[in-house]
Amino acid sequence: MSRPQTARRQRSATKTDIGGAGTLRPCLRRAAGARAWLALIAAIATIAIQFAAAEPAAASGGLDLQRTAASSLLVHDEVQKMATATCPSGKLVVGGGGAIWSQKPGETNNARLTALIPTRTTFVAEAETQFLTGGPDWRVDAYAVCANAKALGDKAGKYRIVPAGNSKEQERNKFKTAEARCPAGTVAYGTGAFVPSNGRIGLQMTRTSTPLDISRATGRADDAYRPDPRDPPWVVTSYAICAQPAGGLHFDAELGPGNGLVHQCSNRSQVVAGPGGGGGLNDGGQVWLKSLYPHADNDVLVQMTGLFSDRQVLASPTCADRS
């Protein structure tokens, strides 16, 4: 993956290879089958990377945040790839992200993220090449941010993942938006998003709202996309990862020029709970998310496939107290 123009040097991390994504979409359409299949893949593939490696996991108001990561196989010309990061026992997903990497930096601009999907204990990232026409050796990485189930109010029914699709008024649009609202008494720690897999559509943004009551997602089809009128319109889905408030959780944001941005939590003693960012709530043109993930313990990296003609890149994580 080529660096964002403003990105700092990436910290090294060990990744574990797993199989490709050829059967992800059918499984996702069958939610029960998806959970079992993704859990099997994750059990083989996932490793844990703690936020504070030099000391015991920091307790963010009891959240005890921890980051995990997993990688797809680096296979030449595979047009769709996925990876699944899994939380350790006793912890639930509160945020996550994905990143596209290549052995030949600069040659994966035609690959885009199409799925950043949270489940209770996993976070799935999927990417595909434009028009499904292949490309250089590349892979997609998935990242999950995990927190203690007790601190999230899981036993009291406070923890849940809420999905929502775009409105019917947007059915024939090239650019679509969706928002999912958290139940009363909960806040959005992080988000996820999903668009169909056909080589013509990609994600452009996913983030929480400033008051943390909803999640937002946007998807964009390329200008040449002409769906078959006999097929149902494509849908962008937003996922809100909701739980009881804890750890001083708050929305953080920064806009920056270029095709990418690394944003550090404004309170340097805090860590990223839920990565967020990309474009805005209006059509940004034929530009898609290439990477959105927790770059280090207290910052988030956002990278797009190109430059917006009329706006800057948004990085907007949720951040929580380190202790």
C-alpha atoms as a PDB file:
ATOM      1  CA  MET A   1       0.000   0.000   0.000  1.00  0.00           C
ATOM      2  CA  SER A   2       1.398   3.409  -0.894  1.00  0.00           C
ATOM      3  CA  ARG A   3       1.657   5.867   2.000  1.00  0.00           C
ATOM      4  CA  PRO A   4      -0.799   8.710   2.482  1.00  0.00           C
ATOM      5  CA  GLN A   5       0.974  11.994   1.749  1.00  0.00           C
ATOM      6  CA  THR A   6       0.761  12.988   5.416  1.00  0.00           C
ATOM      7  CA  ALA A   7       1.185   9.580   7.015  1.00  0.00           C
ATOM      8  CA  ARG A   8       3.891   8.854   9.548  1.00  0.00           C
ATOM      9  CA  ARG A   9       6.109   5.802   9.290  1.00  0.00           C
ATOM     10  CA  GLN A  10       4.173   2.570   9.855  1.00  0.00           C
ATOM     11  CA  ARG A  11       5.096   0.533  12.909  1.00  0.00           C
ATOM     12  CA  SER A  12       5.927  -3.052  12.094  1.00  0.00           C
ATOM     13  CA  ALA A  13       3.552  -5.834  13.083  1.00  0.00           C
ATOM     14  CA  THR A  14       3.445  -9.572  12.487  1.00  0.00           C
ATOM     15  CA  LYS A  15       0.547 -10.818  10.359  1.00  0.00           C
ATOM     16  CA  THR A  16      -0.794 -14.314   9.788  1.00  0.00           C
ATOM     17  CA  ASP A  17      -1.847 -15.448   6.282  1.00  0.00           C
ATOM     18  CA  ILE A  18      -5.264 -16.942   5.695  1.00  0.00           C
ATOM     19  CA  GLY A  19      -7.296 -18.077   2.710  1.00  0.00           C
ATOM     20  CA  GLY A  20      -8.896 -15.899   0.053  1.00  0.00           C
ATOM     21  CA  ALA A  21     -12.375 -14.392  -0.120  1.00  0.00           C
ATOM     22  CA  GLY A  22     -14.055 -16.190  -2.994  1.00  0.00           C
ATOM     23  CA  THR A  23     -17.010 -17.424  -0.958  1.00  0.00           C
ATOM     24  CA  LEU A  24     -17.471 -14.459   1.364  1.00  0.00           C
ATOM     25  CA  ARG A  25     -20.438 -12.837  -0.345  1.00  0.00           C
ATOM     26  CA  PRO A  26     -22.707 -15.889  -0.486  1.00  0.00           C
ATOM     27  CA  CYS A  27     -21.916 -16.529   3.147  1.00  0.00           C
ATOM     28  CA  LEU A  28     -22.666 -12.939   4.132  1.00  0.00           C
ATOM     29  CA  ARG A  29     -26.056 -13.232   2.513  1.00  0.00           C
ATOM     30  CA  ARG A  30     -26.682 -16.132   4.848  1.00  0.00           C
ATOM     31  CA  ALA A  31     -25.959 -14.492   8.193  1.00  0.00           C
ATOM     32  CA  ALA A  32     -25.990 -17.631  10.335  1.00  0.00           C
ATOM     33  CA  GLY A  33     -23.655 -19.459   7.953  1.00  0.00           C
ATOM     34  CA  ALA A  34     -21.406 -16.391   7.807  1.00  0.00           C
ATOM     35  CA  ARG A  35     -20.773 -16.385  11.538  1.00  0.00           C
ATOM     36  CA  ALA A  36     -19.778 -20.043  11.618  1.00  0.00           C
ATOM     37  CA  TRP A  37     -17.603 -19.791   8.514  1.00  0.00           C
ATOM     38  CA  LEU A  38     -15.840 -16.608   9.616  1.00  0.00           C
ATOM     39  CA  ALA A  39     -15.224 -18.033  13.077  1.00  0.00           C
ATOM     40  CA  LEU A  40     -13.500 -21.065  11.533  1.00  0.00           C
ATOM     41  CA  ILE A  41     -11.273 -18.878   9.348  1.00  0.00           C
ATOM     42  CA  ALA A  42     -10.496 -16.562  12.250  1.00  0.00           C
ATOM     43  CA  ALA A  43      -9.534 -19.439  14.527  1.00  0.00           C
ATOM     44  CA  ILE A  44      -6.840 -20.388  12.059  1.00  0.00           C
ATOM     45  CA  ALA A  45      -5.688 -16.923  11.165  1.00  0.00           C
ATOM     46  CA  THR A  46      -5.872 -14.309  13.891  1.00  0.00           C
ATOM     47  CA  ILE A  47      -3.117 -12.949  16.081  1.00  0.00           C
ATOM     48  CA  ALA A  48      -3.344 -10.413  18.891  1.00  0.00           C
ATOM     49  CA  ILE A  49      -1.413  -7.154  19.092  1.00  0.00           C
ATOM     50  CA  GLN A  50      -1.878  -5.268  22.355  1.00  0.00           C
ATOM     51  CA  PHE A  51      -2.140  -1.481  22.376  1.00  0.00           C
ATOM     52  CA  ALA A  52       0.637  -1.174  24.960  1.00  0.00           C
ATOM     53  CA  ALA A  53       3.029  -3.985  24.190  1.00  0.00           C
ATOM     54  CA  ALA A  54       5.617  -2.930  26.767  1.00  0.00           C
ATOM     55  CA  GLU A  55       3.165  -3.227  29.659  1.00  0.00           C
ATOM     56  CA  PRO A  56      -0.034  -5.093  30.611  1.00  0.00           C
ATOM     57  CA  ALA A  57      -3.095  -4.161  28.567  1.00  0.00           C
ATOM     58  CA  ALA A  58      -4.277  -0.705  29.593  1.00  0.00           C
ATOM     59  CA  ALA A  59      -7.670  -0.604  31.284  1.00  0.00           C
ATOM     60  CA  SER A  60      -9.675   2.177  29.589  1.00  0.00           C
ATOM     61  CA  GLY A  61     -12.317   2.681  32.234  1.00  0.00           C
ATOM     62  CA  GLY A  62     -12.508  -1.088  32.471  1.00  0.00           C
ATOM     63  CA  LEU A  63     -12.567  -1.551  28.687  1.00  0.00           C
ATOM     64  CA  ASP A  64      -9.075  -3.092  28.595  1.00  0.00           C
ATOM     65  CA  LEU A  65      -8.771  -2.289  24.884  1.00  0.00           C
ATOM     66  CA  GLN A  66      -6.799  -4.664  22.689  1.00  0.00           C
ATOM     67  CA  ARG A  67      -6.107  -4.750  18.962  1.00  0.00           C
ATOM     68  CA  THR A  68      -5.934  -7.887  16.799  1.00  0.00           C
ATOM     69  CA  ALA A  69      -5.022  -8.338  13.140  1.00  0.00           C
ATOM     70  CA  ALA A  70      -5.109 -10.907  10.346  1.00  0.00           C
ATOM     71  CA  SER A  71      -4.105 -11.034   6.663  1.00  0.00           C
ATOM     72  CA  SER A  72      -5.333 -12.625   3.467  1.00  0.00           C
ATOM     73  CA  LEU A  73      -2.915 -14.570   1.288  1.00  0.00           C
ATOM     74  CA  LEU A  74      -0.649 -12.613  -1.037  1.00  0.00           C
ATOM     75  CA  VAL A  75      -1.718 -14.247  -4.314  1.00  0.00           C
ATOM     76  CA  HIS A  76      -1.060 -12.868  -7.780  1.00  0.00           C
ATOM     77  CA  ASP A  77      -4.108 -11.615  -9.713  1.00  0.00           C
ATOM     78  CA  GLU A  78      -6.705 -12.692  -7.188  1.00  0.00           C
ATOM     79  CA  VAL A  79      -9.501 -10.164  -7.699  1.00  0.00           C
ATOM     80  CA  GLN A  80     -11.264 -10.473  -4.318  1.00  0.00           C
ATOM     81  CA  LYS A  81      -9.674 -11.014  -0.925  1.00  0.00           C
ATOM     82  CA  MET A  82     -10.812 -11.023   2.678  1.00  0.00           C
ATOM     83  CA  ALA A  83      -9.372 -11.326   6.165  1.00  0.00           C
ATOM     84  CA  THR A  84     -10.951 -11.779   9.591  1.00  0.00           C
ATOM     85  CA  ALA A  85      -9.538 -10.483  12.881  1.00  0.00           C
ATOM     86  CA  THR A  86     -10.873 -12.140  16.045  1.00  0.00           C
ATOM     87  CA  CYS A  87     -11.089 -10.909  19.637  1.00  0.00           C
ATOM     88  CA  PRO A  88      -9.619 -12.952  22.496  1.00  0.00           C
ATOM     89  CA  SER A  89     -11.900 -14.753  24.926  1.00  0.00           C
ATOM     90  CA  GLY A  90     -13.995 -12.491  27.124  1.00  0.00           C
ATOM     91  CA  LYS A  91     -13.815  -9.528  24.775  1.00  0.00           C
ATOM     92  CA  LEU A  92     -16.160  -8.103  22.141  1.00  0.00           C
ATOM     93  CA  VAL A  93     -15.578  -6.007  19.032  1.00  0.00           C
ATOM     94  CA  VAL A  94     -15.959  -2.238  19.482  1.00  0.00           C
ATOM     95  CA  GLY A  95     -14.267  -1.133  16.255  1.00  0.00           C
ATOM     96  CA  GLY A  96     -12.107  -2.266  13.384  1.00  0.00           C
ATOM     97  CA  GLY A  97     -10.815  -1.592   9.916  1.00  0.00           C
ATOM     98  CA  GLY A  98      -9.006  -2.850   6.851  1.00  0.00           C
ATOM     99  CA  ALA A  99      -5.971  -2.036   4.714  1.00  0.00           C
ATOM    100  CA  ILE A 100      -4.862  -2.969   1.197  1.00  0.00           C
ATOM    101  CA  TRP A 101      -1.150  -3.717   0.784  1.00  0.00           C
ATOM    102  CA  SER A 102       0.949  -4.528  -2.281  1.00  0.00           C
ATOM    103  CA  GLN A 103       4.439  -5.801  -3.056  1.00  0.00           C
ATOM    104  CA  LYS A 104       4.525  -3.027  -5.655  1.00  0.00           C
ATOM    105  CA  PRO A 105       3.438   0.177  -3.906  1.00  0.00           C
ATOM    106  CA  GLY A 106       1.332   2.444  -6.066  1.00  0.00           C
ATOM    107  CA  GLU A 107      -0.102  -0.370  -8.171  1.00  0.00           C
ATOM    108  CA  THR A 108      -3.186  -1.127  -6.070  1.00  0.00           C
ATOM    109  CA  ASN A 109      -5.077   2.122  -6.661  1.00  0.00           C
ATOM    110  CA  ASN A 110      -7.639   0.093  -8.576  1.00  0.00           C
ATOM    111  CA  ALA A 111      -8.372  -2.011  -5.464  1.00  0.00           C
ATOM    112  CA  ARG A 112     -10.947  -0.752  -2.981  1.00  0.00           C
ATOM    113  CA  LEU A 113     -12.560  -1.782   0.300  1.00  0.00           C
ATOM    114  CA  THR A 114     -16.056  -3.223  -0.108  1.00  0.00           C
ATOM    115  CA  ALA A 115     -16.752  -4.631   3.356  1.00  0.00           C
ATOM    116  CA  LEU A 116     -15.796  -3.663   6.909  1.00  0.00           C
ATOM    117  CA  ILE A 117     -18.152  -5.876   8.886  1.00  0.00           C
ATOM    118  CA  PRO A 118     -18.287  -6.290  12.678  1.00  0.00           C
ATOM    119  CA  THR A 119     -19.686  -9.307  14.493  1.00  0.00           C
ATOM    120  CA  ARG A 120     -19.621  -9.788  18.260  1.00  0.00           C
ATOM    121  CA  THR A 121     -16.129 -11.277  18.263  1.00  0.00           C
ATOM    122  CA  THR A 122     -14.726 -10.693  14.750  1.00  0.00           C
ATOM    123  CA  PHE A 123     -14.116  -7.918  12.263  1.00  0.00           C
ATOM    124  CA  VAL A 124     -14.081  -8.765   8.552  1.00  0.00           C
ATOM    125  CA  ALA A 125     -12.348  -6.705   5.852  1.00  0.00           C
ATOM    126  CA  GLU A 126     -12.878  -7.432   2.172  1.00  0.00           C
ATOM    127  CA  ALA A 127     -11.436  -5.720  -0.902  1.00  0.00           C
ATOM    128  CA  GLU A 128     -11.611  -6.243  -4.648  1.00  0.00           C
ATOM    129  CA  THR A 129      -9.963  -4.921  -7.781  1.00  0.00           C
ATOM    130  CA  GLN A 130     -11.790  -2.551 -10.078  1.00  0.00           C
ATOM    131  CA  PHE A 131     -13.956  -4.354 -12.665  1.00  0.00           C
ATOM    132  CA  LEU A 132     -12.634  -7.637 -11.153  1.00  0.00           C
ATOM    133  CA  THR A 133      -9.835  -7.630 -13.738  1.00  0.00           C
ATOM    134  CA  GLY A 134      -6.925  -8.738 -11.549  1.00  0.00           C
ATOM    135  CA  GLY A 135      -3.803  -6.859 -10.543  1.00  0.00           C
ATOM    136  CA  PRO A 136      -0.394  -7.202  -8.918  1.00  0.00           C
ATOM    137  CA  ASP A 137       0.453  -9.253  -5.851  1.00  0.00           C
ATOM    138  CA  TRP A 138      -1.623  -7.744  -3.035  1.00  0.00           C
ATOM    139  CA  ARG A 139      -3.400  -8.580   0.181  1.00  0.00           C
ATOM    140  CA  VAL A 140      -6.010  -7.139   2.537  1.00  0.00           C
ATOM    141  CA  ASP A 141      -5.527  -6.934   6.296  1.00  0.00           C
ATOM    142  CA  ALA A 142      -8.304  -6.861   8.898  1.00  0.00           C
ATOM    143  CA  TYR A 143      -8.063  -5.187  12.306  1.00  0.00           C
ATOM    144  CA  ALA A 144     -10.341  -5.524  15.321  1.00  0.00           C
ATOM    145  CA  VAL A 145     -10.403  -3.384  18.461  1.00  0.00           C
ATOM    146  CA  CYS A 146     -11.745  -5.402  21.382  1.00  0.00           C
ATOM    147  CA  ALA A 147     -13.019  -4.522  24.864  1.00  0.00           C
ATOM    148  CA  ASN A 148     -14.118  -6.396  27.971  1.00  0.00           C
ATOM    149  CA  ALA A 149     -17.682  -7.633  27.606  1.00  0.00           C
ATOM    150  CA  LYS A 150     -18.492  -6.695  31.211  1.00  0.00           C
ATOM    151  CA  ALA A 151     -17.508  -3.036  30.739  1.00  0.00           C
ATOM    152  CA  LEU A 152     -19.726  -2.850  27.641  1.00  0.00           C
ATOM    153  CA  GLY A 153     -22.806  -4.005  29.559  1.00  0.00           C
ATOM    154  CA  ASP A 154     -23.192  -7.188  27.544  1.00  0.00           C
ATOM    155  CA  LYS A 155     -25.040  -9.135  30.250  1.00  0.00           C
ATOM    156  CA  ALA A 156     -27.502  -6.254  30.643  1.00  0.00           C
ATOM    157  CA  GLY A 157     -28.229  -6.347  26.911  1.00  0.00           C
ATOM    158  CA  LYS A 158     -26.464  -3.037  26.239  1.00  0.00           C
ATOM    159  CA  TYR A 159     -24.036  -4.415  23.673  1.00  0.00           C
ATOM    160  CA  ARG A 160     -25.399  -4.924  20.163  1.00  0.00           C
ATOM    161  CA  ILE A 161     -24.523  -4.386  16.513  1.00  0.00           C
ATOM    162  CA  VAL A 162     -27.224  -2.486  14.631  1.00  0.00           C
ATOM    163  CA  PRO A 163     -27.341  -2.625  10.786  1.00  0.00           C
ATOM    164  CA  ALA A 164     -29.265  -0.256   8.500  1.00  0.00           C
ATOM    165  CA  GLY A 165     -29.421   0.183   4.719  1.00  0.00           C
ATOM    166  CA  ASN A 166     -29.950   3.208   2.489  1.00  0.00           C
ATOM    167  CA  SER A 167     -33.404   4.666   1.930  1.00  0.00           C
ATOM    168  CA  LYS A 168     -35.621   3.730  -1.001  1.00  0.00           C
ATOM    169  CA  GLU A 169     -35.253   7.282  -2.359  1.00  0.00           C
ATOM    170  CA  GLN A 170     -31.594   6.481  -3.095  1.00  0.00           C
ATOM    171  CA  GLU A 171     -32.215   3.187  -4.883  1.00  0.00           C
ATOM    172  CA  ARG A 172     -31.081   4.309  -8.360  1.00  0.00           C
ATOM    173  CA  ASN A 173     -28.352   6.688  -7.211  1.00  0.00           C
ATOM    174  CA  LYS A 174     -24.641   6.145  -7.881  1.00  0.00           C
ATOM    175  CA  PHE A 175     -23.830   7.540  -4.429  1.00  0.00           C
ATOM    176  CA  LYS A 176     -25.719   6.207  -1.415  1.00  0.00           C
ATOM    177  CA  THR A 177     -25.723   6.881   2.315  1.00  0.00           C
ATOM    178  CA  ALA A 178     -26.961   4.880   5.288  1.00  0.00           C
ATOM    179  CA  GLU A 179     -27.100   5.419   9.022  1.00  0.00           C
ATOM    180  CA  ALA A 180     -27.775   3.071  11.920  1.00  0.00           C
ATOM    181  CA  ARG A 181     -28.983   4.370  15.276  1.00  0.00           C
ATOM    182  CA  CYS A 182     -27.943   3.007  18.661  1.00  0.00           C
ATOM    183  CA  PRO A 183     -30.679   2.168  21.212  1.00  0.00           C
ATOM    184  CA  ALA A 184     -31.342   4.532  24.098  1.00  0.00           C
ATOM    185  CA  GLY A 185     -28.792   4.226  26.873  1.00  0.00           C
ATOM    186  CA  THR A 186     -25.992   3.167  24.511  1.00  0.00           C
ATOM    187  CA  VAL A 187     -23.431   4.939  22.321  1.00  0.00           C
ATOM    188  CA  ALA A 188     -21.632   4.031  19.108  1.00  0.00           C
ATOM    189  CA  TYR A 189     -18.084   2.892  19.831  1.00  0.00           C
ATOM    190  CA  GLY A 190     -17.331   2.090  16.204  1.00  0.00           C
ATOM    191  CA  THR A 191     -18.814   1.365  12.823  1.00  0.00           C
ATOM    192  CA  GLY A 192     -18.784  -0.930   9.836  1.00  0.00           C
ATOM    193  CA  ALA A 193     -20.052  -0.831   6.258  1.00  0.00           C
ATOM    194  CA  PHE A 194     -20.860  -3.084   3.319  1.00  0.00           C
ATOM    195  CA  VAL A 195     -21.573  -2.751  -0.428  1.00  0.00           C
ATOM    196  CA  PRO A 196     -22.178  -5.463  -3.049  1.00  0.00           C
ATOM    197  CA  SER A 197     -19.235  -7.205  -4.652  1.00  0.00           C
ATOM    198  CA  ASN A 198     -19.209  -6.706  -8.425  1.00  0.00           C
ATOM    199  CA  GLY A 199     -16.076  -4.701  -9.215  1.00  0.00           C
ATOM    200  CA  ARG A 200     -18.073  -1.524  -9.808  1.00  0.00           C
ATOM    201  CA  ILE A 201     -18.878  -0.300  -6.277  1.00  0.00           C
ATOM    202  CA  GLY A 202     -16.780   0.596  -3.237  1.00  0.00           C
ATOM    203  CA  LEU A 203     -16.993   2.179   0.201  1.00  0.00           C
ATOM    204  CA  GLN A 204     -16.273   5.879   0.466  1.00  0.00           C
ATOM    205  CA  MET A 205     -16.768   6.575   4.180  1.00  0.00           C
ATOM    206  CA  THR A 206     -17.725   5.006   7.510  1.00  0.00           C
ATOM    207  CA  ARG A 207     -17.745   6.779  10.882  1.00  0.00           C
ATOM    208  CA  THR A 208     -19.783   7.565  13.979  1.00  0.00           C
ATOM    209  CA  SER A 209     -21.658  10.824  14.480  1.00  0.00           C
ATOM    210  CA  THR A 210     -20.173  13.497  16.733  1.00  0.00           C
ATOM    211  CA  PRO A 211     -22.619  12.750  19.616  1.00  0.00           C
ATOM    212  CA  LEU A 212     -22.025   8.992  19.110  1.00  0.00           C
ATOM    213  CA  ASP A 213     -25.703   8.205  18.652  1.00  0.00           C
ATOM    214  CA  ILE A 214     -25.496   6.834  15.088  1.00  0.00           C
ATOM    215  CA  SER A 215     -23.075   5.346  12.575  1.00  0.00           C
ATOM    216  CA  ARG A 216     -22.853   6.571   8.974  1.00  0.00           C
ATOM    217  CA  ALA A 217     -21.621   4.887   5.801  1.00  0.00           C
ATOM    218  CA  THR A 218     -21.438   5.859   2.143  1.00  0.00           C
ATOM    219  CA  GLY A 219     -20.906   3.816  -1.005  1.00  0.00           C
ATOM    220  CA  ARG A 220     -20.222   4.867  -4.580  1.00  0.00           C
ATOM    221  CA  ALA A 221     -20.600   3.117  -7.955  1.00  0.00           C
ATOM    222  CA  ASP A 222     -18.293   4.076 -10.812  1.00  0.00           C
ATOM    223  CA  ASP A 223     -19.709   6.361 -13.486  1.00  0.00           C
ATOM    224  CA  ALA A 224     -19.827   3.581 -16.089  1.00  0.00           C
ATOM    225  CA  TYR A 225     -21.906   1.261 -13.902  1.00  0.00           C
ATOM    226  CA  ARG A 226     -25.179   0.275 -15.572  1.00  0.00           C
ATOM    227  CA  PRO A 227     -27.092  -2.225 -13.423  1.00  0.00           C
ATOM    228  CA  ASP A 228     -29.489  -4.633 -15.051  1.00  0.00           C
ATOM    229  CA  PRO A 229     -32.969  -3.133 -14.521  1.00  0.00           C
ATOM    230  CA  ARG A 230     -34.223  -6.618 -13.687  1.00  0.00           C
ATOM    231  CA  ASP A 231     -31.892  -6.803 -10.685  1.00  0.00           C
ATOM    232  CA  PRO A 232     -32.729  -5.198  -7.325  1.00  0.00           C
ATOM    233  CA  PRO A 233     -30.901  -1.910  -6.654  1.00  0.00           C
ATOM    234  CA  TRP A 234     -27.632  -2.190  -4.754  1.00  0.00           C
ATOM    235  CA  VAL A 235     -27.577  -1.220  -1.073  1.00  0.00           C
ATOM    236  CA  VAL A 236     -24.976   0.343   1.194  1.00  0.00           C
ATOM    237  CA  THR A 237     -25.269  -0.902   4.782  1.00  0.00           C
ATOM    238  CA  SER A 238     -24.012   0.868   7.893  1.00  0.00           C
ATOM    239  CA  TYR A 239     -23.294  -1.005  11.146  1.00  0.00           C
ATOM    240  CA  ALA A 240     -23.319   0.733  14.526  1.00  0.00           C
ATOM    241  CA  ILE A 241     -21.385  -1.040  17.297  1.00  0.00           C
ATOM    242  CA  CYS A 242     -23.368   0.030  20.359  1.00  0.00           C
ATOM    243  CA  ALA A 243     -22.742  -0.449  24.086  1.00  0.00           C
ATOM    244  CA  GLN A 244     -23.099   1.361  27.384  1.00  0.00           C
ATOM    245  CA  PRO A 245     -20.793   4.404  27.729  1.00  0.00           C
ATOM    246  CA  ALA A 246     -17.414   3.735  29.356  1.00  0.00           C
ATOM    247  CA  GLY A 247     -13.826   4.916  29.357  1.00  0.00           C
ATOM    248  CA  GLY A 248     -14.433   8.568  28.468  1.00  0.00           C
ATOM    249  CA  LEU A 249     -15.351   7.606  24.899  1.00  0.00           C
ATOM    250  CA  HIS A 250     -15.662  10.576  22.524  1.00  0.00           C
ATOM    251  CA  PHE A 251     -15.602  11.529  18.848  1.00  0.00           C
ATOM    252  CA  ASP A 252     -12.348  12.931  17.450  1.00  0.00           C
ATOM    253  CA  ALA A 253     -11.746  14.300  13.928  1.00  0.00           C
ATOM    254  CA  GLU A 254      -9.361  16.006  11.526  1.00  0.00           C
ATOM    255  CA  LEU A 255      -9.445  17.026   7.849  1.00  0.00           C
ATOM    256  CA  GLY A 256      -6.302  16.894   5.708  1.00  0.00           C
ATOM    257  CA  PRO A 257      -5.216  17.421   2.098  1.00  0.00           C
ATOM    258  CA  GLY A 258      -3.901  14.739  -0.248  1.00  0.00           C
ATOM    259  CA  ASN A 259      -5.119  11.162  -0.551  1.00  0.00           C
ATOM    260  CA  GLY A 260      -4.598  10.159   3.068  1.00  0.00           C
ATOM    261  CA  LEU A 261      -4.209  11.183   6.648  1.00  0.00           C
ATOM    262  CA  VAL A 262      -2.968   9.867   9.991  1.00  0.00           C
ATOM    263  CA  HIS A 263      -4.839  11.412  12.912  1.00  0.00           C
ATOM    264  CA  GLN A 264      -3.835  11.020  16.538  1.00  0.00           C
ATOM    265  CA  CYS A 265      -6.380  11.236  19.345  1.00  0.00           C
ATOM    266  CA  SER A 266      -6.417  14.855  20.545  1.00  0.00           C
ATOM    267  CA  ASN A 267      -5.796  13.668  24.105  1.00  0.00           C
ATOM    268  CA  ARG A 268      -2.452  11.891  23.727  1.00  0.00           C
ATOM    269  CA  SER A 269      -3.174   9.661  26.727  1.00  0.00           C
ATOM    270  CA  GLN A 270      -6.111   8.096  24.899  1.00  0.00           C
ATOM    271  CA  VAL A 271      -6.304   5.241  22.390  1.00  0.00           C
ATOM    272  CA  VAL A 272      -8.426   4.541  19.333  1.00  0.00           C
ATOM    273  CA  ALA A 273     -11.565   2.527  20.089  1.00  0.00           C
ATOM    274  CA  GLY A 274     -13.238   2.800  16.679  1.00  0.00           C
ATOM    275  CA  PRO A 275     -11.511   3.899  13.442  1.00  0.00           C
ATOM    276  CA  GLY A 276     -13.576   6.129  11.160  1.00  0.00           C
ATOM    277  CA  GLY A 277     -13.191   8.401   8.157  1.00  0.00           C
ATOM    278  CA  GLY A 278     -13.069   8.765   4.381  1.00  0.00           C
ATOM    279  CA  GLY A 279     -15.180  11.216   2.396  1.00  0.00           C
ATOM    280  CA  GLY A 280     -18.222  13.235   3.405  1.00  0.00           C
ATOM    281  CA  LEU A 281     -21.980  12.798   3.264  1.00  0.00           C
ATOM    282  CA  ASN A 282     -22.142  14.130  -0.300  1.00  0.00           C
ATOM    283  CA  ASP A 283     -20.837  12.434  -3.459  1.00  0.00           C
ATOM    284  CA  GLY A 284     -17.058  12.665  -3.643  1.00  0.00           C
ATOM    285  CA  GLY A 285     -16.792  11.236  -7.154  1.00  0.00           C
ATOM    286  CA  GLN A 286     -14.909   8.121  -8.223  1.00  0.00           C
ATOM    287  CA  VAL A 287     -12.716   7.853  -5.119  1.00  0.00           C
ATOM    288  CA  TRP A 288     -12.947   4.958  -2.667  1.00  0.00           C
ATOM    289  CA  LEU A 289     -11.552   3.803   0.663  1.00  0.00           C
ATOM    290  CA  LYS A 290      -8.266   1.956   0.292  1.00  0.00           C
ATOM    291  CA  SER A 291      -7.362   1.745   3.974  1.00  0.00           C
ATOM    292  CA  LEU A 292      -9.015   2.640   7.270  1.00  0.00           C
ATOM    293  CA  TYR A 293      -7.521   1.091  10.372  1.00  0.00           C
ATOM    294  CA  PRO A 294      -5.948   1.688  13.822  1.00  0.00           C
ATOM    295  CA  HIS A 295      -2.438   2.601  12.665  1.00  0.00           C
ATOM    296  CA  ALA A 296      -0.972   2.583  16.192  1.00  0.00           C
ATOM    297  CA  ASP A 297      -2.304   2.632  19.726  1.00  0.00           C
ATOM    298  CA  ASN A 298      -3.649   6.188  19.611  1.00  0.00           C
ATOM    299  CA  ASP A 299      -4.057   7.094  15.942  1.00  0.00           C
ATOM    300  CA  VAL A 300      -6.000   6.077  12.852  1.00  0.00           C
ATOM    301  CA  LEU A 301      -4.856   5.947   9.232  1.00  0.00           C
ATOM    302  CA  VAL A 302      -7.205   6.774   6.346  1.00  0.00           C
ATOM    303  CA  GLN A 303      -6.177   6.379   2.701  1.00  0.00           C
ATOM    304  CA  MET A 304      -8.253   6.840  -0.437  1.00  0.00           C
ATOM    305  CA  THR A 305      -7.701   5.425  -3.942  1.00  0.00           C
ATOM    306  CA  GLY A 306      -7.218   8.958  -5.303  1.00  0.00           C
ATOM    307  CA  LEU A 307      -7.721  12.646  -4.634  1.00  0.00           C
ATOM    308  CA  PHE A 308     -11.078  14.278  -4.038  1.00  0.00           C
ATOM    309  CA  SER A 309     -11.609  17.200  -6.391  1.00  0.00           C
ATOM    310  CA  ASP A 310     -13.682  19.249  -3.962  1.00  0.00           C
ATOM    311  CA  ARG A 311     -12.774  18.204  -0.413  1.00  0.00           C
ATOM    312  CA  GLN A 312     -10.183  16.939   2.013  1.00  0.00           C
ATOM    313  CA  VAL A 313      -9.854  13.504   3.583  1.00  0.00           C
ATOM    314  CA  LEU A 314     -11.584  12.983   6.926  1.00  0.00           C
ATOM    315  CA  ALA A 315     -10.109  10.960   9.791  1.00  0.00           C
ATOM    316  CA  SER A 316     -12.633  10.583  12.627  1.00  0.00           C
ATOM    317  CA  PRO A 317     -11.958   7.882  15.221  1.00  0.00           C
ATOM    318  CA  THR A 318     -13.640   7.395  18.540  1.00  0.00           C
ATOM    319  CA  CYS A 319     -11.093   7.647  21.345  1.00  0.00           C
ATOM    320  CA  ALA A 320     -11.169   6.347  24.921  1.00  0.00           C
ATOM    321  CA  ASP A 321      -9.138   6.872  28.089  1.00  0.00           C
ATOM    322  CA  ARG A 322      -6.063   4.693  28.420  1.00  0.00           C
ATOM    323  CA  SER A 323      -6.917   3.926  32.051  1.00  0.00           C
END
